[in-house]
């Protein structure tokens, strides 16, 4: 097997670069209102799940 091997760090960098481009396209489409309503609902649900929970204040 004499095929060229991509170093692990380079493979990760390439994957991150592709993911960043895809996220940028998604964000641009979302800002322009071009996402399907179903996709918009899914994104909003994911954002709610990832948002930090509000801190509970102790009763004073």
PDB file of N, CA and C in Angstrom:
ATOM      1  N   UNK A   1       0.846  -1.170   0.000  1.00  0.00           N
ATOM      2  CA  UNK A   1       0.000   0.000   0.000  1.00  0.00           C
ATOM      3  C   UNK A   1       0.897   1.240   0.000  1.00  0.00           C
ATOM      4  N   UNK A   2       1.027   1.875  -1.115  1.00  0.00           N
ATOM      5  CA  UNK A   2       1.913   3.025  -1.257  1.00  0.00           C
ATOM      6  C   UNK A   2       1.155   4.334  -1.425  1.00  0.00           C
ATOM      7  N   UNK A   3      -0.097   4.353  -1.083  1.00  0.00           N
ATOM      8  CA  UNK A   3      -0.891   5.571  -1.228  1.00  0.00           C
ATOM      9  C   UNK A   3      -0.438   6.609  -0.205  1.00  0.00           C
ATOM     10  N   UNK A   4      -0.551   7.873  -0.596  1.00  0.00           N
ATOM     11  CA  UNK A   4      -0.185   8.959   0.315  1.00  0.00           C
ATOM     12  C   UNK A   4      -1.167   8.994   1.483  1.00  0.00           C
ATOM     13  N   UNK A   5      -0.631   9.252   2.658  1.00  0.00           N
ATOM     14  CA  UNK A   5      -1.458   9.307   3.857  1.00  0.00           C
ATOM     15  C   UNK A   5      -1.522  10.756   4.326  1.00  0.00           C
ATOM     16  N   UNK A   6      -2.731  11.228   4.574  1.00  0.00           N
ATOM     17  CA  UNK A   6      -2.913  12.585   5.079  1.00  0.00           C
ATOM     18  C   UNK A   6      -2.688  12.555   6.587  1.00  0.00           C
ATOM     19  N   UNK A   7      -1.841  13.432   7.100  1.00  0.00           N
ATOM     20  CA  UNK A   7      -1.630  13.468   8.546  1.00  0.00           C
ATOM     21  C   UNK A   7      -2.939  13.784   9.279  1.00  0.00           C
ATOM     22  N   UNK A   8      -3.069  13.234  10.473  1.00  0.00           N
ATOM     23  CA  UNK A   8      -4.296  13.382  11.246  1.00  0.00           C
ATOM     24  C   UNK A   8      -4.651  14.856  11.460  1.00  0.00           C
ATOM     25  N   UNK A   9      -3.685  15.673  11.826  1.00  0.00           N
ATOM     26  CA  UNK A   9      -3.933  17.095  12.068  1.00  0.00           C
ATOM     27  C   UNK A   9      -4.463  17.783  10.818  1.00  0.00           C
ATOM     28  N   UNK A  10      -3.925  17.411   9.659  1.00  0.00           N
ATOM     29  CA  UNK A  10      -4.383  18.009   8.407  1.00  0.00           C
ATOM     30  C   UNK A  10      -5.804  17.564   8.091  1.00  0.00           C
ATOM     31  N   UNK A  11      -6.117  16.305   8.344  1.00  0.00           N
ATOM     32  CA  UNK A  11      -7.471  15.797   8.101  1.00  0.00           C
ATOM     33  C   UNK A  11      -8.478  16.521   8.993  1.00  0.00           C
ATOM     34  N   UNK A  12      -8.120  16.747  10.239  1.00  0.00           N
ATOM     35  CA  UNK A  12      -9.013  17.457  11.156  1.00  0.00           C
ATOM     36  C   UNK A  12      -9.194  18.903  10.706  1.00  0.00           C
ATOM     37  N   UNK A  13      -8.106  19.539  10.298  1.00  0.00           N
ATOM     38  CA  UNK A  13      -8.184  20.926   9.826  1.00  0.00           C
ATOM     39  C   UNK A  13      -9.073  21.023   8.587  1.00  0.00           C
ATOM     40  N   UNK A  14      -8.946  20.070   7.677  1.00  0.00           N
ATOM     41  CA  UNK A  14      -9.784  20.072   6.470  1.00  0.00           C
ATOM     42  C   UNK A  14     -11.252  19.896   6.820  1.00  0.00           C
ATOM     43  N   UNK A  15     -11.544  19.001   7.757  1.00  0.00           N
ATOM     44  CA  UNK A  15     -12.932  18.762   8.163  1.00  0.00           C
ATOM     45  C   UNK A  15     -13.515  19.998   8.837  1.00  0.00           C
ATOM     46  N   UNK A  16     -12.727  20.638   9.690  1.00  0.00           N
ATOM     47  CA  UNK A  16     -13.214  21.852  10.360  1.00  0.00           C
ATOM     48  C   UNK A  16     -13.470  22.970   9.370  1.00  0.00           C
ATOM     49  N   UNK A  17     -12.588  23.093   8.386  1.00  0.00           N
ATOM     50  CA  UNK A  17     -12.763  24.124   7.364  1.00  0.00           C
ATOM     51  C   UNK A  17     -14.047  23.895   6.581  1.00  0.00           C
ATOM     52  N   UNK A  18     -14.325  22.645   6.222  1.00  0.00           N
ATOM     53  CA  UNK A  18     -15.550  22.323   5.493  1.00  0.00           C
ATOM     54  C   UNK A  18     -16.778  22.582   6.355  1.00  0.00           C
ATOM     55  N   UNK A  19     -16.704  22.223   7.633  1.00  0.00           N
ATOM     56  CA  UNK A  19     -17.821  22.460   8.542  1.00  0.00           C
ATOM     57  C   UNK A  19     -18.074  23.954   8.724  1.00  0.00           C
ATOM     58  N   UNK A  20     -17.010  24.736   8.836  1.00  0.00           N
ATOM     59  CA  UNK A  20     -17.163  26.187   8.979  1.00  0.00           C
ATOM     60  C   UNK A  20     -17.830  26.793   7.744  1.00  0.00           C
ATOM     61  N   UNK A  21     -17.453  26.314   6.560  1.00  0.00           N
ATOM     62  CA  UNK A  21     -18.080  26.819   5.329  1.00  0.00           C
ATOM     63  C   UNK A  21     -19.565  26.462   5.292  1.00  0.00           C
ATOM     64  N   UNK A  22     -19.893  25.237   5.685  1.00  0.00           N
ATOM     65  CA  UNK A  22     -21.292  24.809   5.686  1.00  0.00           C
ATOM     66  C   UNK A  22     -22.101  25.627   6.687  1.00  0.00           C
ATOM     67  N   UNK A  23     -21.527  25.880   7.861  1.00  0.00           N
ATOM     68  CA  UNK A  23     -22.228  26.692   8.859  1.00  0.00           C
ATOM     69  C   UNK A  23     -22.428  28.109   8.372  1.00  0.00           C
ATOM     70  N   UNK A  24     -21.441  28.665   7.694  1.00  0.00           N
ATOM     71  CA  UNK A  24     -21.562  30.020   7.162  1.00  0.00           C
ATOM     72  C   UNK A  24     -22.670  30.097   6.117  1.00  0.00           C
ATOM     73  N   UNK A  25     -22.745  29.078   5.242  1.00  0.00           N
ATOM     74  CA  UNK A  25     -23.830  29.050   4.244  1.00  0.00           C
ATOM     75  C   UNK A  25     -25.188  28.946   4.924  1.00  0.00           C
ATOM     76  N   UNK A  26     -25.278  28.064   5.944  1.00  0.00           N
ATOM     77  CA  UNK A  26     -26.535  27.905   6.666  1.00  0.00           C
ATOM     78  C   UNK A  26     -26.934  29.209   7.332  1.00  0.00           C
ATOM     79  N   UNK A  27     -25.987  29.886   7.973  1.00  0.00           N
ATOM     80  CA  UNK A  27     -26.286  31.141   8.658  1.00  0.00           C
ATOM     81  C   UNK A  27     -26.714  32.226   7.671  1.00  0.00           C
ATOM     82  N   UNK A  28     -26.062  32.271   6.509  1.00  0.00           N
ATOM     83  CA  UNK A  28     -26.443  33.255   5.493  1.00  0.00           C
ATOM     84  C   UNK A  28     -27.844  32.972   4.966  1.00  0.00           C
ATOM     85  N   UNK A  29     -28.146  31.705   4.713  1.00  0.00           N
ATOM     86  CA  UNK A  29     -29.491  31.342   4.248  1.00  0.00           C
ATOM     87  C   UNK A  29     -30.534  31.662   5.306  1.00  0.00           C
ATOM     88  N   UNK A  30     -30.194  31.408   6.555  1.00  0.00           N
ATOM     89  CA  UNK A  30     -31.131  31.682   7.644  1.00  0.00           C
ATOM     90  C   UNK A  30     -31.384  33.181   7.765  1.00  0.00           C
ATOM     91  N   UNK A  31     -30.328  33.982   7.686  1.00  0.00           N
ATOM     92  CA  UNK A  31     -30.474  35.429   7.786  1.00  0.00           C
ATOM     93  C   UNK A  31     -31.305  35.989   6.634  1.00  0.00           C
ATOM     94  N   UNK A  32     -31.203  35.368   5.470  1.00  0.00           N
ATOM     95  CA  UNK A  32     -31.952  35.826   4.297  1.00  0.00           C
ATOM     96  C   UNK A  32     -33.357  35.242   4.244  1.00  0.00           C
ATOM     97  N   UNK A  33     -33.690  34.360   5.196  1.00  0.00           N
ATOM     98  CA  UNK A  33     -35.028  33.775   5.216  1.00  0.00           C
ATOM     99  C   UNK A  33     -35.234  32.683   4.189  1.00  0.00           C
ATOM    100  N   UNK A  34     -34.159  32.040   3.756  1.00  0.00           N
ATOM    101  CA  UNK A  34     -34.268  31.009   2.718  1.00  0.00           C
ATOM    102  C   UNK A  34     -34.367  29.586   3.270  1.00  0.00           C
ATOM    103  N   UNK A  35     -34.359  29.433   4.602  1.00  0.00           N
ATOM    104  CA  UNK A  35     -34.463  28.085   5.163  1.00  0.00           C
ATOM    105  C   UNK A  35     -35.915  27.642   5.173  1.00  0.00           C
ATOM    106  N   UNK A  36     -36.110  26.353   5.027  1.00  0.00           N
ATOM    107  CA  UNK A  36     -37.455  25.791   5.130  1.00  0.00           C
ATOM    108  C   UNK A  36     -37.950  25.985   6.564  1.00  0.00           C
ATOM    109  N   UNK A  37     -39.239  26.188   6.749  1.00  0.00           N
ATOM    110  CA  UNK A  37     -39.771  26.377   8.106  1.00  0.00           C
ATOM    111  C   UNK A  37     -39.422  25.217   9.048  1.00  0.00           C
ATOM    112  N   UNK A  38     -39.396  24.000   8.525  1.00  0.00           N
ATOM    113  CA  UNK A  38     -39.053  22.842   9.370  1.00  0.00           C
ATOM    114  C   UNK A  38     -37.621  22.948   9.862  1.00  0.00           C
ATOM    115  N   UNK A  39     -36.721  23.361   8.996  1.00  0.00           N
ATOM    116  CA  UNK A  39     -35.311  23.503   9.373  1.00  0.00           C
ATOM    117  C   UNK A  39     -35.144  24.619  10.401  1.00  0.00           C
ATOM    118  N   UNK A  40     -35.882  25.695  10.224  1.00  0.00           N
ATOM    119  CA  UNK A  40     -35.820  26.800  11.175  1.00  0.00           C
ATOM    120  C   UNK A  40     -36.282  26.347  12.559  1.00  0.00           C
ATOM    121  N   UNK A  41     -37.343  25.564  12.612  1.00  0.00           N
ATOM    122  CA  UNK A  41     -37.826  25.049  13.897  1.00  0.00           C
ATOM    123  C   UNK A  41     -36.790  24.150  14.558  1.00  0.00           C
ATOM    124  N   UNK A  42     -36.144  23.314  13.767  1.00  0.00           N
ATOM    125  CA  UNK A  42     -35.116  22.423  14.310  1.00  0.00           C
ATOM    126  C   UNK A  42     -33.957  23.241  14.876  1.00  0.00           C
ATOM    127  N   UNK A  43     -33.521  24.264  14.148  1.00  0.00           N
ATOM    128  CA  UNK A  43     -32.418  25.097  14.626  1.00  0.00           C
ATOM    129  C   UNK A  43     -32.785  25.815  15.919  1.00  0.00           C
ATOM    130  N   UNK A  44     -34.011  26.321  16.003  1.00  0.00           N
ATOM    131  CA  UNK A  44     -34.431  27.010  17.226  1.00  0.00           C
ATOM    132  C   UNK A  44     -34.468  26.044  18.406  1.00  0.00           C
ATOM    133  N   UNK A  45     -34.938  24.815  18.175  1.00  0.00           N
ATOM    134  CA  UNK A  45     -34.973  23.825  19.249  1.00  0.00           C
ATOM    135  C   UNK A  45     -33.552  23.500  19.717  1.00  0.00           C
ATOM    136  N   UNK A  46     -32.643  23.316  18.776  1.00  0.00           N
ATOM    137  CA  UNK A  46     -31.255  23.035  19.137  1.00  0.00           C
ATOM    138  C   UNK A  46     -30.629  24.192  19.912  1.00  0.00           C
ATOM    139  N   UNK A  47     -30.933  25.413  19.511  1.00  0.00           N
ATOM    140  CA  UNK A  47     -30.387  26.575  20.214  1.00  0.00           C
ATOM    141  C   UNK A  47     -30.914  26.644  21.643  1.00  0.00           C
ATOM    142  N   UNK A  48     -32.196  26.332  21.828  1.00  0.00           N
ATOM    143  CA  UNK A  48     -32.759  26.335  23.185  1.00  0.00           C
ATOM    144  C   UNK A  48     -32.091  25.270  24.045  1.00  0.00           C
ATOM    145  N   UNK A  49     -31.832  24.097  23.465  1.00  0.00           N
ATOM    146  CA  UNK A  49     -31.211  23.013  24.217  1.00  0.00           C
ATOM    147  C   UNK A  49     -29.770  23.353  24.604  1.00  0.00           C
ATOM    148  N   UNK A  50     -29.094  24.106  23.769  1.00  0.00           N
ATOM    149  CA  UNK A  50     -27.689  24.418  24.015  1.00  0.00           C
ATOM    150  C   UNK A  50     -27.501  25.679  24.861  1.00  0.00           C
ATOM    151  N   UNK A  51     -28.566  26.458  25.037  1.00  0.00           N
ATOM    152  CA  UNK A  51     -28.456  27.693  25.827  1.00  0.00           C
ATOM    153  C   UNK A  51     -28.235  27.317  27.289  1.00  0.00           C
ATOM    154  N   UNK A  52     -27.404  28.093  27.960  1.00  0.00           N
ATOM    155  CA  UNK A  52     -27.168  27.792  29.378  1.00  0.00           C
ATOM    156  C   UNK A  52     -28.449  28.004  30.183  1.00  0.00           C
ATOM    157  N   UNK A  53     -28.666  27.152  31.159  1.00  0.00           N
ATOM    158  CA  UNK A  53     -29.841  27.266  32.014  1.00  0.00           C
ATOM    159  C   UNK A  53     -29.707  28.505  32.885  1.00  0.00           C
ATOM    160  N   UNK A  54     -30.811  29.188  33.150  1.00  0.00           N
ATOM    161  CA  UNK A  54     -30.717  30.388  34.006  1.00  0.00           C
ATOM    162  C   UNK A  54     -30.277  29.978  35.416  1.00  0.00           C
ATOM    163  N   UNK A  55     -29.454  30.828  35.995  1.00  0.00           N
ATOM    164  CA  UNK A  55     -28.955  30.548  37.347  1.00  0.00           C
ATOM    165  C   UNK A  55     -30.078  30.766  38.339  1.00  0.00           C
ATOM    166  N   UNK A  56     -30.205  29.840  39.276  1.00  0.00           N
ATOM    167  CA  UNK A  56     -31.231  29.972  40.313  1.00  0.00           C
ATOM    168  C   UNK A  56     -30.681  30.843  41.431  1.00  0.00           C
ATOM    169  N   UNK A  57     -31.455  31.846  41.780  1.00  0.00           N
ATOM    170  CA  UNK A  57     -31.022  32.734  42.864  1.00  0.00           C
ATOM    171  C   UNK A  57     -31.581  32.215  44.174  1.00  0.00           C
ATOM    172  N   UNK A  58     -30.774  32.300  45.194  1.00  0.00           N
ATOM    173  CA  UNK A  58     -31.214  31.894  46.531  1.00  0.00           C
ATOM    174  C   UNK A  58     -32.186  32.942  47.063  1.00  0.00           C
ATOM    175  N   UNK A  59     -33.209  32.456  47.760  1.00  0.00           N
ATOM    176  CA  UNK A  59     -34.183  33.385  48.342  1.00  0.00           C
ATOM    177  C   UNK A  59     -33.488  34.218  49.420  1.00  0.00           C
ATOM    178  N   UNK A  60     -33.678  35.524  49.334  1.00  0.00           N
ATOM    179  CA  UNK A  60     -32.991  36.412  50.297  1.00  0.00           C
ATOM    180  C   UNK A  60     -33.851  36.676  51.500  1.00  0.00           C
TER     181      UNK A  60
END
